[in-house]
N, C-alpha and C. Protein backbone atom coordinates (compact mmCIF):
# COMPACT_ATOMS: atom_id res chain seq x y z
N MET A 1 19.57 -71.40 85.45
CA MET A 1 20.46 -71.32 84.28
C MET A 1 21.42 -70.15 84.42
N SER A 2 22.56 -70.28 83.81
CA SER A 2 23.51 -69.17 83.82
C SER A 2 23.01 -68.09 82.89
N GLY A 3 23.68 -66.96 82.92
CA GLY A 3 23.26 -65.83 82.10
C GLY A 3 23.65 -65.96 80.65
N SER A 4 24.41 -67.00 80.29
CA SER A 4 24.84 -67.14 78.90
C SER A 4 23.65 -67.51 78.03
N ALA A 5 23.60 -66.92 76.83
CA ALA A 5 22.49 -67.15 75.92
C ALA A 5 22.64 -68.50 75.25
N LEU A 6 21.50 -69.16 75.02
CA LEU A 6 21.51 -70.42 74.30
C LEU A 6 21.66 -70.13 72.81
N ARG A 7 22.49 -70.91 72.16
CA ARG A 7 22.72 -70.71 70.73
C ARG A 7 21.85 -71.66 69.92
N THR A 8 21.31 -71.14 68.84
CA THR A 8 20.55 -71.98 67.93
C THR A 8 21.51 -72.92 67.21
N PRO A 9 21.23 -74.23 67.22
CA PRO A 9 22.14 -75.17 66.55
C PRO A 9 22.29 -74.82 65.06
N ARG A 10 23.52 -74.85 64.58
CA ARG A 10 23.79 -74.56 63.18
C ARG A 10 23.78 -75.84 62.37
N LYS A 11 23.57 -75.69 61.09
CA LYS A 11 23.76 -76.83 60.20
C LYS A 11 25.23 -77.24 60.25
N PRO A 12 25.52 -78.53 60.08
CA PRO A 12 26.93 -78.94 59.98
C PRO A 12 27.56 -78.31 58.76
N ARG A 13 28.87 -78.07 58.84
CA ARG A 13 29.62 -77.43 57.76
C ARG A 13 30.72 -78.35 57.26
N VAL A 14 30.95 -78.32 55.97
CA VAL A 14 32.07 -79.03 55.36
C VAL A 14 32.75 -78.10 54.37
N ILE A 15 34.07 -78.09 54.40
CA ILE A 15 34.86 -77.33 53.43
C ILE A 15 35.15 -78.23 52.23
N VAL A 16 34.95 -77.70 51.04
CA VAL A 16 35.27 -78.44 49.81
C VAL A 16 36.32 -77.64 49.04
N GLY A 17 37.45 -78.27 48.79
CA GLY A 17 38.47 -77.68 47.94
C GLY A 17 38.52 -78.41 46.61
N ILE A 18 38.60 -77.67 45.52
CA ILE A 18 38.76 -78.27 44.20
C ILE A 18 40.08 -77.74 43.63
N SER A 19 41.04 -78.63 43.46
CA SER A 19 42.35 -78.20 42.96
C SER A 19 42.51 -78.65 41.51
N GLY A 20 43.74 -78.56 40.99
CA GLY A 20 43.95 -78.65 39.56
C GLY A 20 44.17 -80.01 38.97
N ALA A 21 43.90 -81.09 39.69
CA ALA A 21 44.01 -82.41 39.09
C ALA A 21 42.81 -82.69 38.19
N SER A 22 42.96 -83.64 37.29
CA SER A 22 41.83 -84.06 36.48
C SER A 22 40.77 -84.67 37.39
N GLY A 23 39.50 -84.34 37.11
CA GLY A 23 38.41 -84.86 37.93
C GLY A 23 37.61 -83.78 38.61
N PHE A 24 37.40 -82.67 37.93
CA PHE A 24 36.64 -81.56 38.50
C PHE A 24 35.25 -82.03 38.95
N SER A 25 34.70 -83.01 38.26
CA SER A 25 33.34 -83.47 38.58
C SER A 25 33.24 -84.12 39.96
N TYR A 26 34.36 -84.58 40.53
CA TYR A 26 34.31 -85.11 41.89
C TYR A 26 33.89 -84.01 42.87
N GLY A 27 34.47 -82.84 42.72
CA GLY A 27 34.11 -81.73 43.59
C GLY A 27 32.68 -81.29 43.39
N VAL A 28 32.23 -81.28 42.13
CA VAL A 28 30.85 -80.89 41.84
C VAL A 28 29.88 -81.86 42.49
N GLN A 29 30.18 -83.16 42.37
CA GLN A 29 29.29 -84.16 42.98
C GLN A 29 29.27 -84.03 44.50
N ALA A 30 30.41 -83.68 45.08
CA ALA A 30 30.45 -83.47 46.53
C ALA A 30 29.52 -82.33 46.94
N LEU A 31 29.53 -81.25 46.19
CA LEU A 31 28.64 -80.13 46.49
C LEU A 31 27.17 -80.54 46.37
N ARG A 32 26.87 -81.34 45.36
CA ARG A 32 25.49 -81.80 45.19
C ARG A 32 25.05 -82.69 46.34
N TYR A 33 25.92 -83.60 46.76
CA TYR A 33 25.58 -84.47 47.89
C TYR A 33 25.39 -83.65 49.17
N LEU A 34 26.27 -82.69 49.42
CA LEU A 34 26.16 -81.89 50.63
C LEU A 34 24.85 -81.12 50.67
N ARG A 35 24.41 -80.64 49.52
CA ARG A 35 23.11 -79.96 49.47
C ARG A 35 21.97 -80.94 49.80
N GLN A 36 22.04 -82.15 49.25
CA GLN A 36 21.02 -83.15 49.54
C GLN A 36 20.99 -83.50 51.03
N LEU A 37 22.17 -83.50 51.66
CA LEU A 37 22.29 -83.87 53.07
C LEU A 37 22.02 -82.69 54.01
N ASP A 38 21.74 -81.53 53.45
CA ASP A 38 21.50 -80.31 54.24
C ASP A 38 22.73 -79.95 55.08
N VAL A 39 23.89 -80.09 54.46
CA VAL A 39 25.16 -79.72 55.07
C VAL A 39 25.65 -78.45 54.40
N GLU A 40 26.07 -77.48 55.19
CA GLU A 40 26.53 -76.20 54.66
C GLU A 40 27.91 -76.36 54.03
N SER A 41 28.03 -76.02 52.74
CA SER A 41 29.29 -76.21 52.02
C SER A 41 30.03 -74.90 51.87
N HIS A 42 31.35 -74.97 52.09
CA HIS A 42 32.24 -73.81 51.99
C HIS A 42 33.30 -74.16 50.94
N LEU A 43 33.29 -73.45 49.82
CA LEU A 43 34.02 -73.85 48.62
C LEU A 43 35.20 -72.94 48.31
N ILE A 44 36.34 -73.59 47.95
CA ILE A 44 37.49 -72.89 47.39
C ILE A 44 37.93 -73.65 46.13
N ILE A 45 38.13 -72.94 45.05
CA ILE A 45 38.60 -73.54 43.80
C ILE A 45 39.91 -72.87 43.39
N SER A 46 40.92 -73.67 43.08
CA SER A 46 42.19 -73.11 42.64
C SER A 46 42.08 -72.64 41.19
N PRO A 47 42.98 -71.76 40.75
CA PRO A 47 42.98 -71.34 39.34
C PRO A 47 43.10 -72.52 38.39
N ALA A 48 43.96 -73.49 38.72
CA ALA A 48 44.09 -74.67 37.86
C ALA A 48 42.81 -75.50 37.89
N GLY A 49 42.10 -75.48 39.01
CA GLY A 49 40.81 -76.15 39.08
C GLY A 49 39.83 -75.56 38.08
N HIS A 50 39.81 -74.25 37.99
CA HIS A 50 38.93 -73.59 37.02
C HIS A 50 39.30 -73.96 35.58
N LEU A 51 40.61 -74.11 35.31
CA LEU A 51 41.02 -74.54 33.97
C LEU A 51 40.47 -75.93 33.65
N ASN A 52 40.52 -76.82 34.62
CA ASN A 52 39.98 -78.16 34.39
C ASN A 52 38.46 -78.13 34.24
N ARG A 53 37.80 -77.23 34.95
CA ARG A 53 36.35 -77.09 34.75
C ARG A 53 36.05 -76.78 33.29
N GLU A 54 36.84 -75.88 32.71
CA GLU A 54 36.61 -75.49 31.32
C GLU A 54 36.90 -76.64 30.35
N HIS A 55 37.92 -77.45 30.66
CA HIS A 55 38.32 -78.54 29.76
C HIS A 55 37.43 -79.77 29.91
N GLU A 56 36.97 -80.03 31.13
CA GLU A 56 36.33 -81.31 31.42
C GLU A 56 34.80 -81.25 31.53
N THR A 57 34.23 -80.07 31.69
CA THR A 57 32.79 -79.97 31.90
C THR A 57 32.21 -78.86 31.02
N THR A 58 30.89 -78.80 31.01
CA THR A 58 30.20 -77.70 30.34
C THR A 58 29.69 -76.68 31.35
N LEU A 59 30.11 -76.80 32.60
CA LEU A 59 29.65 -75.91 33.66
C LEU A 59 30.38 -74.58 33.62
N SER A 60 29.65 -73.51 33.88
CA SER A 60 30.27 -72.20 34.04
C SER A 60 30.71 -72.03 35.49
N GLU A 61 31.51 -71.02 35.73
CA GLU A 61 31.90 -70.71 37.12
C GLU A 61 30.67 -70.43 37.97
N ALA A 62 29.72 -69.71 37.41
CA ALA A 62 28.49 -69.40 38.15
C ALA A 62 27.69 -70.65 38.47
N ASP A 63 27.66 -71.62 37.54
CA ASP A 63 26.95 -72.88 37.79
C ASP A 63 27.50 -73.58 39.03
N VAL A 64 28.82 -73.63 39.14
CA VAL A 64 29.45 -74.33 40.26
C VAL A 64 29.24 -73.56 41.56
N MET A 65 29.43 -72.26 41.51
CA MET A 65 29.27 -71.46 42.73
C MET A 65 27.84 -71.53 43.27
N ALA A 66 26.88 -71.70 42.39
CA ALA A 66 25.49 -71.80 42.83
C ALA A 66 25.22 -73.05 43.63
N LEU A 67 26.09 -74.05 43.52
CA LEU A 67 25.92 -75.28 44.27
C LEU A 67 26.41 -75.17 45.71
N ALA A 68 27.22 -74.17 46.00
CA ALA A 68 27.82 -74.01 47.33
C ALA A 68 27.06 -72.97 48.15
N ASP A 69 27.13 -73.12 49.45
CA ASP A 69 26.52 -72.12 50.34
C ASP A 69 27.40 -70.88 50.48
N VAL A 70 28.72 -71.10 50.56
CA VAL A 70 29.66 -70.00 50.69
C VAL A 70 30.84 -70.29 49.76
N VAL A 71 31.27 -69.28 49.00
CA VAL A 71 32.40 -69.42 48.09
C VAL A 71 33.46 -68.38 48.47
N TYR A 72 34.72 -68.80 48.48
CA TYR A 72 35.81 -67.92 48.89
C TYR A 72 36.81 -67.73 47.75
N PRO A 73 37.39 -66.54 47.62
CA PRO A 73 38.50 -66.36 46.68
C PRO A 73 39.70 -67.21 47.11
N PHE A 74 40.44 -67.70 46.13
CA PHE A 74 41.54 -68.62 46.38
C PHE A 74 42.61 -68.02 47.29
N ARG A 75 42.83 -66.72 47.19
CA ARG A 75 43.91 -66.08 47.97
C ARG A 75 43.41 -65.42 49.26
N ALA A 76 42.17 -65.64 49.63
CA ALA A 76 41.60 -64.96 50.81
C ALA A 76 42.00 -65.68 52.08
N VAL A 77 43.29 -65.58 52.44
CA VAL A 77 43.80 -66.35 53.57
C VAL A 77 43.29 -65.83 54.92
N GLY A 78 42.57 -64.72 54.93
CA GLY A 78 41.98 -64.22 56.16
C GLY A 78 40.51 -64.60 56.31
N ALA A 79 40.01 -65.49 55.45
CA ALA A 79 38.60 -65.88 55.50
C ALA A 79 38.30 -66.72 56.73
N ALA A 80 37.02 -66.90 57.01
CA ALA A 80 36.58 -67.60 58.21
C ALA A 80 37.19 -69.00 58.32
N ILE A 81 37.24 -69.73 57.22
CA ILE A 81 37.72 -71.11 57.28
C ILE A 81 39.23 -71.20 57.48
N ALA A 82 39.92 -70.06 57.52
CA ALA A 82 41.35 -70.04 57.82
C ALA A 82 41.61 -70.04 59.32
N SER A 83 40.55 -70.05 60.12
CA SER A 83 40.69 -70.03 61.58
C SER A 83 40.15 -71.30 62.20
N GLY A 84 40.85 -71.82 63.17
CA GLY A 84 40.39 -73.01 63.87
C GLY A 84 39.15 -72.78 64.70
N SER A 85 38.84 -71.53 65.01
CA SER A 85 37.64 -71.24 65.80
C SER A 85 36.36 -71.38 64.97
N PHE A 86 36.51 -71.48 63.65
CA PHE A 86 35.37 -71.69 62.77
C PHE A 86 35.12 -73.19 62.69
N ARG A 87 34.02 -73.65 63.29
CA ARG A 87 33.79 -75.09 63.44
C ARG A 87 33.27 -75.72 62.16
N THR A 88 33.87 -76.84 61.79
CA THR A 88 33.43 -77.63 60.63
C THR A 88 33.56 -79.11 60.97
N LEU A 89 32.90 -79.95 60.17
CA LEU A 89 33.10 -81.39 60.29
C LEU A 89 34.46 -81.79 59.74
N GLY A 90 34.98 -80.98 58.83
CA GLY A 90 36.25 -81.29 58.20
C GLY A 90 36.28 -80.76 56.79
N MET A 91 37.16 -81.34 55.98
CA MET A 91 37.39 -80.83 54.63
C MET A 91 37.63 -81.97 53.66
N LEU A 92 37.07 -81.81 52.46
CA LEU A 92 37.30 -82.73 51.36
C LEU A 92 37.97 -81.96 50.23
N VAL A 93 39.09 -82.47 49.72
CA VAL A 93 39.72 -81.88 48.54
C VAL A 93 39.50 -82.86 47.39
N ALA A 94 38.66 -82.43 46.43
CA ALA A 94 38.21 -83.34 45.38
C ALA A 94 38.13 -82.61 44.04
N PRO A 95 39.08 -82.88 43.15
CA PRO A 95 40.24 -83.74 43.30
C PRO A 95 41.39 -83.00 43.98
N CYS A 96 42.38 -83.77 44.38
CA CYS A 96 43.57 -83.19 45.01
C CYS A 96 44.77 -83.43 44.10
N SER A 97 45.36 -82.35 43.62
CA SER A 97 46.54 -82.46 42.75
C SER A 97 47.78 -82.80 43.58
N MET A 98 48.82 -83.25 42.92
CA MET A 98 50.08 -83.53 43.61
C MET A 98 50.70 -82.25 44.16
N HIS A 99 50.47 -81.12 43.49
CA HIS A 99 50.95 -79.83 43.99
C HIS A 99 50.27 -79.49 45.31
N THR A 100 48.95 -79.65 45.36
CA THR A 100 48.21 -79.35 46.59
C THR A 100 48.58 -80.35 47.69
N LEU A 101 48.71 -81.61 47.34
CA LEU A 101 49.16 -82.61 48.31
C LEU A 101 50.50 -82.23 48.92
N ALA A 102 51.46 -81.83 48.07
CA ALA A 102 52.79 -81.48 48.56
C ALA A 102 52.73 -80.27 49.50
N ALA A 103 51.92 -79.28 49.14
CA ALA A 103 51.79 -78.09 50.00
C ALA A 103 51.21 -78.46 51.35
N ILE A 104 50.16 -79.28 51.37
CA ILE A 104 49.55 -79.69 52.63
C ILE A 104 50.52 -80.52 53.45
N ALA A 105 51.23 -81.44 52.80
CA ALA A 105 52.16 -82.32 53.51
C ALA A 105 53.28 -81.53 54.17
N ASN A 106 53.63 -80.39 53.59
CA ASN A 106 54.77 -79.61 54.11
C ASN A 106 54.35 -78.31 54.78
N GLY A 107 53.07 -78.15 55.06
CA GLY A 107 52.60 -77.00 55.82
C GLY A 107 52.72 -75.68 55.09
N LEU A 108 52.64 -75.70 53.75
CA LEU A 108 52.72 -74.46 52.96
C LEU A 108 51.32 -73.89 52.80
N THR A 109 51.10 -72.70 53.34
CA THR A 109 49.73 -72.17 53.45
C THR A 109 49.60 -70.79 52.82
N ASP A 110 50.07 -70.66 51.59
CA ASP A 110 50.04 -69.34 50.95
C ASP A 110 48.76 -69.09 50.16
N ASN A 111 47.81 -70.01 50.22
CA ASN A 111 46.49 -69.78 49.65
C ASN A 111 45.44 -70.36 50.59
N LEU A 112 44.18 -70.03 50.35
CA LEU A 112 43.14 -70.43 51.30
C LEU A 112 42.89 -71.92 51.30
N LEU A 113 43.05 -72.58 50.15
CA LEU A 113 42.79 -74.02 50.11
C LEU A 113 43.75 -74.76 51.02
N THR A 114 45.04 -74.50 50.88
CA THR A 114 46.01 -75.21 51.71
C THR A 114 45.99 -74.71 53.15
N ARG A 115 45.67 -73.44 53.36
CA ARG A 115 45.54 -72.92 54.73
C ARG A 115 44.37 -73.60 55.44
N ALA A 116 43.23 -73.74 54.76
CA ALA A 116 42.08 -74.39 55.38
C ALA A 116 42.40 -75.84 55.71
N ALA A 117 43.11 -76.53 54.81
CA ALA A 117 43.50 -77.92 55.08
C ALA A 117 44.43 -78.00 56.28
N ASP A 118 45.36 -77.07 56.38
CA ASP A 118 46.29 -77.03 57.51
C ASP A 118 45.54 -76.83 58.82
N VAL A 119 44.54 -75.96 58.81
CA VAL A 119 43.73 -75.70 60.00
C VAL A 119 42.97 -76.97 60.41
N VAL A 120 42.39 -77.65 59.43
CA VAL A 120 41.66 -78.89 59.73
C VAL A 120 42.58 -79.90 60.40
N LEU A 121 43.81 -80.03 59.92
CA LEU A 121 44.76 -80.96 60.53
C LEU A 121 45.13 -80.54 61.96
N LYS A 122 45.41 -79.25 62.15
CA LYS A 122 45.85 -78.82 63.48
C LYS A 122 44.73 -78.91 64.50
N GLU A 123 43.48 -78.79 64.04
CA GLU A 123 42.34 -78.89 64.95
C GLU A 123 41.88 -80.34 65.13
N ARG A 124 42.61 -81.27 64.51
CA ARG A 124 42.31 -82.71 64.61
C ARG A 124 40.92 -83.04 64.06
N ARG A 125 40.55 -82.35 62.97
CA ARG A 125 39.32 -82.68 62.26
C ARG A 125 39.67 -83.55 61.06
N ARG A 126 38.66 -84.01 60.35
CA ARG A 126 38.89 -84.92 59.23
C ARG A 126 39.29 -84.16 57.96
N LEU A 127 40.38 -84.59 57.36
CA LEU A 127 40.82 -84.08 56.07
C LEU A 127 40.91 -85.25 55.11
N VAL A 128 40.12 -85.21 54.04
CA VAL A 128 40.09 -86.30 53.06
C VAL A 128 40.58 -85.76 51.73
N LEU A 129 41.61 -86.37 51.18
CA LEU A 129 42.21 -85.92 49.92
C LEU A 129 41.98 -86.97 48.84
N MET A 130 41.18 -86.60 47.84
CA MET A 130 40.97 -87.49 46.70
C MET A 130 42.08 -87.24 45.68
N VAL A 131 43.23 -87.83 45.94
CA VAL A 131 44.44 -87.57 45.14
C VAL A 131 44.32 -88.22 43.77
N ARG A 132 44.77 -87.48 42.74
CA ARG A 132 44.64 -87.92 41.35
C ARG A 132 45.98 -87.81 40.65
N GLU A 133 46.64 -88.94 40.52
CA GLU A 133 47.87 -89.02 39.72
C GLU A 133 48.24 -90.48 39.54
N THR A 134 48.88 -90.78 38.43
CA THR A 134 49.42 -92.12 38.22
C THR A 134 50.36 -92.08 37.01
N PRO A 135 51.46 -92.81 37.06
CA PRO A 135 52.01 -93.54 38.20
C PRO A 135 52.56 -92.58 39.25
N LEU A 136 52.90 -93.13 40.41
CA LEU A 136 53.38 -92.32 41.52
C LEU A 136 54.88 -92.53 41.71
N HIS A 137 55.61 -91.43 41.94
CA HIS A 137 57.02 -91.60 42.28
C HIS A 137 57.21 -91.42 43.79
N ALA A 138 58.44 -91.53 44.24
CA ALA A 138 58.71 -91.61 45.67
C ALA A 138 58.28 -90.35 46.43
N VAL A 139 58.42 -89.18 45.81
CA VAL A 139 58.01 -87.94 46.50
C VAL A 139 56.50 -87.92 46.72
N HIS A 140 55.74 -88.34 45.71
CA HIS A 140 54.29 -88.43 45.89
C HIS A 140 53.95 -89.33 47.08
N LEU A 141 54.59 -90.48 47.13
CA LEU A 141 54.29 -91.45 48.19
C LEU A 141 54.71 -90.92 49.56
N ARG A 142 55.86 -90.23 49.62
CA ARG A 142 56.29 -89.66 50.90
C ARG A 142 55.32 -88.59 51.36
N ASN A 143 54.83 -87.77 50.43
CA ASN A 143 53.86 -86.75 50.80
C ASN A 143 52.56 -87.37 51.32
N MET A 144 52.12 -88.44 50.68
CA MET A 144 50.92 -89.13 51.16
C MET A 144 51.14 -89.69 52.57
N GLN A 145 52.32 -90.26 52.79
CA GLN A 145 52.62 -90.80 54.12
C GLN A 145 52.64 -89.68 55.16
N GLN A 146 53.23 -88.55 54.79
CA GLN A 146 53.33 -87.45 55.74
C GLN A 146 51.96 -86.90 56.13
N VAL A 147 51.07 -86.75 55.13
CA VAL A 147 49.71 -86.31 55.43
C VAL A 147 49.00 -87.32 56.32
N THR A 148 49.18 -88.60 56.03
CA THR A 148 48.55 -89.65 56.84
C THR A 148 49.06 -89.60 58.28
N GLU A 149 50.35 -89.39 58.46
CA GLU A 149 50.92 -89.32 59.81
C GLU A 149 50.40 -88.10 60.57
N CYS A 150 49.99 -87.06 59.85
CA CYS A 150 49.42 -85.87 60.48
C CYS A 150 47.92 -86.01 60.75
N GLY A 151 47.33 -87.13 60.34
CA GLY A 151 45.92 -87.35 60.61
C GLY A 151 45.01 -87.26 59.42
N GLY A 152 45.55 -86.90 58.23
CA GLY A 152 44.73 -86.82 57.03
C GLY A 152 44.44 -88.20 56.47
N ILE A 153 43.50 -88.26 55.55
CA ILE A 153 43.10 -89.51 54.91
C ILE A 153 43.32 -89.38 53.41
N ILE A 154 44.13 -90.27 52.85
CA ILE A 154 44.36 -90.30 51.42
C ILE A 154 43.32 -91.22 50.80
N PHE A 155 42.51 -90.67 49.90
CA PHE A 155 41.41 -91.44 49.32
C PHE A 155 41.41 -91.28 47.80
N PRO A 156 42.25 -92.05 47.09
CA PRO A 156 42.21 -91.99 45.63
C PRO A 156 40.84 -92.48 45.15
N PRO A 157 40.24 -91.82 44.16
CA PRO A 157 38.92 -92.22 43.68
C PRO A 157 39.00 -93.46 42.79
N VAL A 158 39.20 -94.62 43.42
CA VAL A 158 39.32 -95.88 42.69
C VAL A 158 37.92 -96.41 42.39
N PRO A 159 37.60 -96.73 41.14
CA PRO A 159 36.25 -97.21 40.82
C PRO A 159 35.92 -98.50 41.55
N ALA A 160 34.71 -98.58 42.09
CA ALA A 160 34.22 -99.79 42.74
C ALA A 160 33.41 -100.58 41.72
N LEU A 161 34.06 -101.45 40.98
CA LEU A 161 33.39 -102.13 39.88
C LEU A 161 32.41 -103.18 40.37
N TYR A 162 32.53 -103.60 41.64
CA TYR A 162 31.55 -104.56 42.17
C TYR A 162 30.14 -103.97 42.20
N ALA A 163 30.04 -102.64 42.18
CA ALA A 163 28.72 -101.99 42.17
C ALA A 163 28.11 -101.98 40.77
N ARG A 164 28.87 -102.49 39.78
CA ARG A 164 28.42 -102.56 38.39
C ARG A 164 27.88 -101.22 37.87
N PRO A 165 28.72 -100.20 37.91
CA PRO A 165 28.25 -98.89 37.44
C PRO A 165 27.92 -98.93 35.95
N SER A 166 26.90 -98.19 35.57
CA SER A 166 26.47 -98.16 34.18
C SER A 166 26.88 -96.87 33.47
N SER A 167 27.56 -95.96 34.19
CA SER A 167 27.96 -94.68 33.60
C SER A 167 29.14 -94.11 34.37
N VAL A 168 29.81 -93.16 33.74
CA VAL A 168 30.89 -92.44 34.42
C VAL A 168 30.33 -91.69 35.63
N GLU A 169 29.13 -91.15 35.49
CA GLU A 169 28.50 -90.40 36.59
C GLU A 169 28.31 -91.28 37.81
N GLU A 170 27.94 -92.55 37.61
CA GLU A 170 27.76 -93.46 38.74
C GLU A 170 29.09 -93.77 39.42
N ILE A 171 30.14 -93.91 38.61
CA ILE A 171 31.47 -94.15 39.18
C ILE A 171 31.89 -92.97 40.06
N ILE A 172 31.70 -91.75 39.54
CA ILE A 172 32.06 -90.55 40.29
C ILE A 172 31.23 -90.44 41.56
N ALA A 173 29.93 -90.66 41.45
CA ALA A 173 29.04 -90.53 42.60
C ALA A 173 29.41 -91.51 43.70
N HIS A 174 29.75 -92.75 43.31
CA HIS A 174 30.11 -93.76 44.31
C HIS A 174 31.37 -93.36 45.06
N SER A 175 32.40 -92.91 44.33
CA SER A 175 33.65 -92.51 44.99
C SER A 175 33.42 -91.34 45.94
N VAL A 176 32.65 -90.35 45.51
CA VAL A 176 32.41 -89.18 46.36
C VAL A 176 31.59 -89.56 47.59
N ALA A 177 30.60 -90.42 47.41
CA ALA A 177 29.81 -90.85 48.57
C ALA A 177 30.69 -91.57 49.59
N ARG A 178 31.62 -92.40 49.10
CA ARG A 178 32.55 -93.09 50.02
C ARG A 178 33.45 -92.08 50.73
N ALA A 179 33.92 -91.07 50.00
CA ALA A 179 34.78 -90.06 50.61
C ALA A 179 34.03 -89.27 51.67
N LEU A 180 32.79 -88.88 51.40
CA LEU A 180 32.00 -88.15 52.39
C LEU A 180 31.67 -89.02 53.59
N GLY A 181 31.59 -90.33 53.37
CA GLY A 181 31.39 -91.24 54.50
C GLY A 181 32.50 -91.15 55.52
N LEU A 182 33.71 -90.78 55.07
CA LEU A 182 34.83 -90.61 56.00
C LEU A 182 34.68 -89.36 56.86
N LEU A 183 33.73 -88.48 56.49
CA LEU A 183 33.38 -87.33 57.31
C LEU A 183 32.11 -87.61 58.12
N ASP A 184 31.75 -88.90 58.20
CA ASP A 184 30.55 -89.35 58.92
C ASP A 184 29.26 -88.81 58.30
N LEU A 185 29.26 -88.67 56.99
CA LEU A 185 28.06 -88.26 56.26
C LEU A 185 27.58 -89.45 55.44
N ASP A 186 26.30 -89.75 55.54
CA ASP A 186 25.75 -90.95 54.94
C ASP A 186 24.92 -90.60 53.71
N CYS A 187 25.44 -90.93 52.54
CA CYS A 187 24.70 -90.74 51.29
C CYS A 187 23.83 -91.97 51.07
N ALA A 188 22.53 -91.79 51.10
CA ALA A 188 21.60 -92.91 51.14
C ALA A 188 21.67 -93.80 49.92
N ASP A 189 22.04 -93.24 48.76
CA ASP A 189 22.03 -94.05 47.54
C ASP A 189 23.35 -94.76 47.29
N LEU A 190 24.25 -94.79 48.27
CA LEU A 190 25.53 -95.48 48.12
C LEU A 190 25.32 -96.99 48.21
N PRO A 191 25.66 -97.74 47.16
CA PRO A 191 25.57 -99.21 47.26
C PRO A 191 26.56 -99.73 48.29
N ARG A 192 26.07 -100.53 49.24
CA ARG A 192 26.93 -101.02 50.32
C ARG A 192 27.01 -102.54 50.27
N TRP A 193 28.23 -103.02 50.25
CA TRP A 193 28.47 -104.45 50.16
C TRP A 193 27.90 -105.15 51.40
N GLY A 194 27.06 -106.16 51.17
CA GLY A 194 26.50 -106.91 52.28
C GLY A 194 25.23 -106.31 52.85
N GLU A 195 24.86 -105.10 52.40
CA GLU A 195 23.63 -104.47 52.88
C GLU A 195 22.60 -104.43 51.76
N ASN A 196 22.83 -103.57 50.77
CA ASN A 196 21.90 -103.51 49.65
C ASN A 196 22.50 -104.08 48.37
N MET A 197 23.60 -104.85 48.52
CA MET A 197 24.18 -105.55 47.40
C MET A 197 24.29 -107.02 47.76
N GLN A 198 24.00 -107.90 46.79
CA GLN A 198 24.04 -109.33 47.04
C GLN A 198 25.49 -109.78 47.19
N LEU A 199 25.75 -110.56 48.24
CA LEU A 199 27.08 -111.09 48.45
C LEU A 199 27.37 -112.21 47.46
N MET A 200 28.60 -112.25 46.98
CA MET A 200 29.01 -113.34 46.11
C MET A 200 29.63 -114.42 46.98
N THR A 201 29.33 -115.66 46.72
CA THR A 201 29.90 -116.79 47.49
C THR A 201 30.82 -117.59 46.60
N ARG A 202 31.88 -118.08 47.18
CA ARG A 202 32.84 -118.85 46.43
C ARG A 202 32.42 -120.32 46.37
N GLY A 203 32.66 -120.94 45.24
CA GLY A 203 32.46 -122.36 45.13
C GLY A 203 33.58 -123.11 45.83
N LYS A 204 33.37 -124.38 46.05
CA LYS A 204 34.36 -125.16 46.80
C LYS A 204 35.69 -125.24 46.06
N ASP A 205 35.66 -125.16 44.73
CA ASP A 205 36.90 -125.33 43.96
C ASP A 205 37.54 -124.02 43.56
N SER A 206 37.03 -122.87 44.08
CA SER A 206 37.57 -121.58 43.66
C SER A 206 38.87 -121.29 44.37
């Protein structure tokens, strides 16, 4: 053997960004799933994200931070996840505001959330954006196209009604599980069409 020391394998890492769109609970559910999957989570929350936490949930800032393995200040652009040498599976932005989408699409990296996303793209890792806005105008659509052309994945959290969700929490959990699946993470309780869900068959006259 060479003289180089063997490294102990690390847990896989995923970056989670929570920006200021409605849907703070998507990011919270992502952190919960990552903990269940024994994946190390690295969290950044924008100031507008914290405002939505206050409006949409009963969670305190401390409650959310306790779900993550590592939490970074929003402006800490010199943090570990701002470097491509820091290995991760990729990044999920849940939810992703149109402001954050525009910054990522145009390479604007004046905060850690958009800097980390930019690094994920340049390192050719997976970037999944759970974009939240409707209706969409042409600039929104161009920004989505630009991120896609750079290798990112646009994943609006569209409810999967075929799973017959019985609560808002189930709708959120299903969307987040699908988004994490794009990072090659398998949430065991995700209903899968044709596997643990009965297929519907069409009648001859349908």
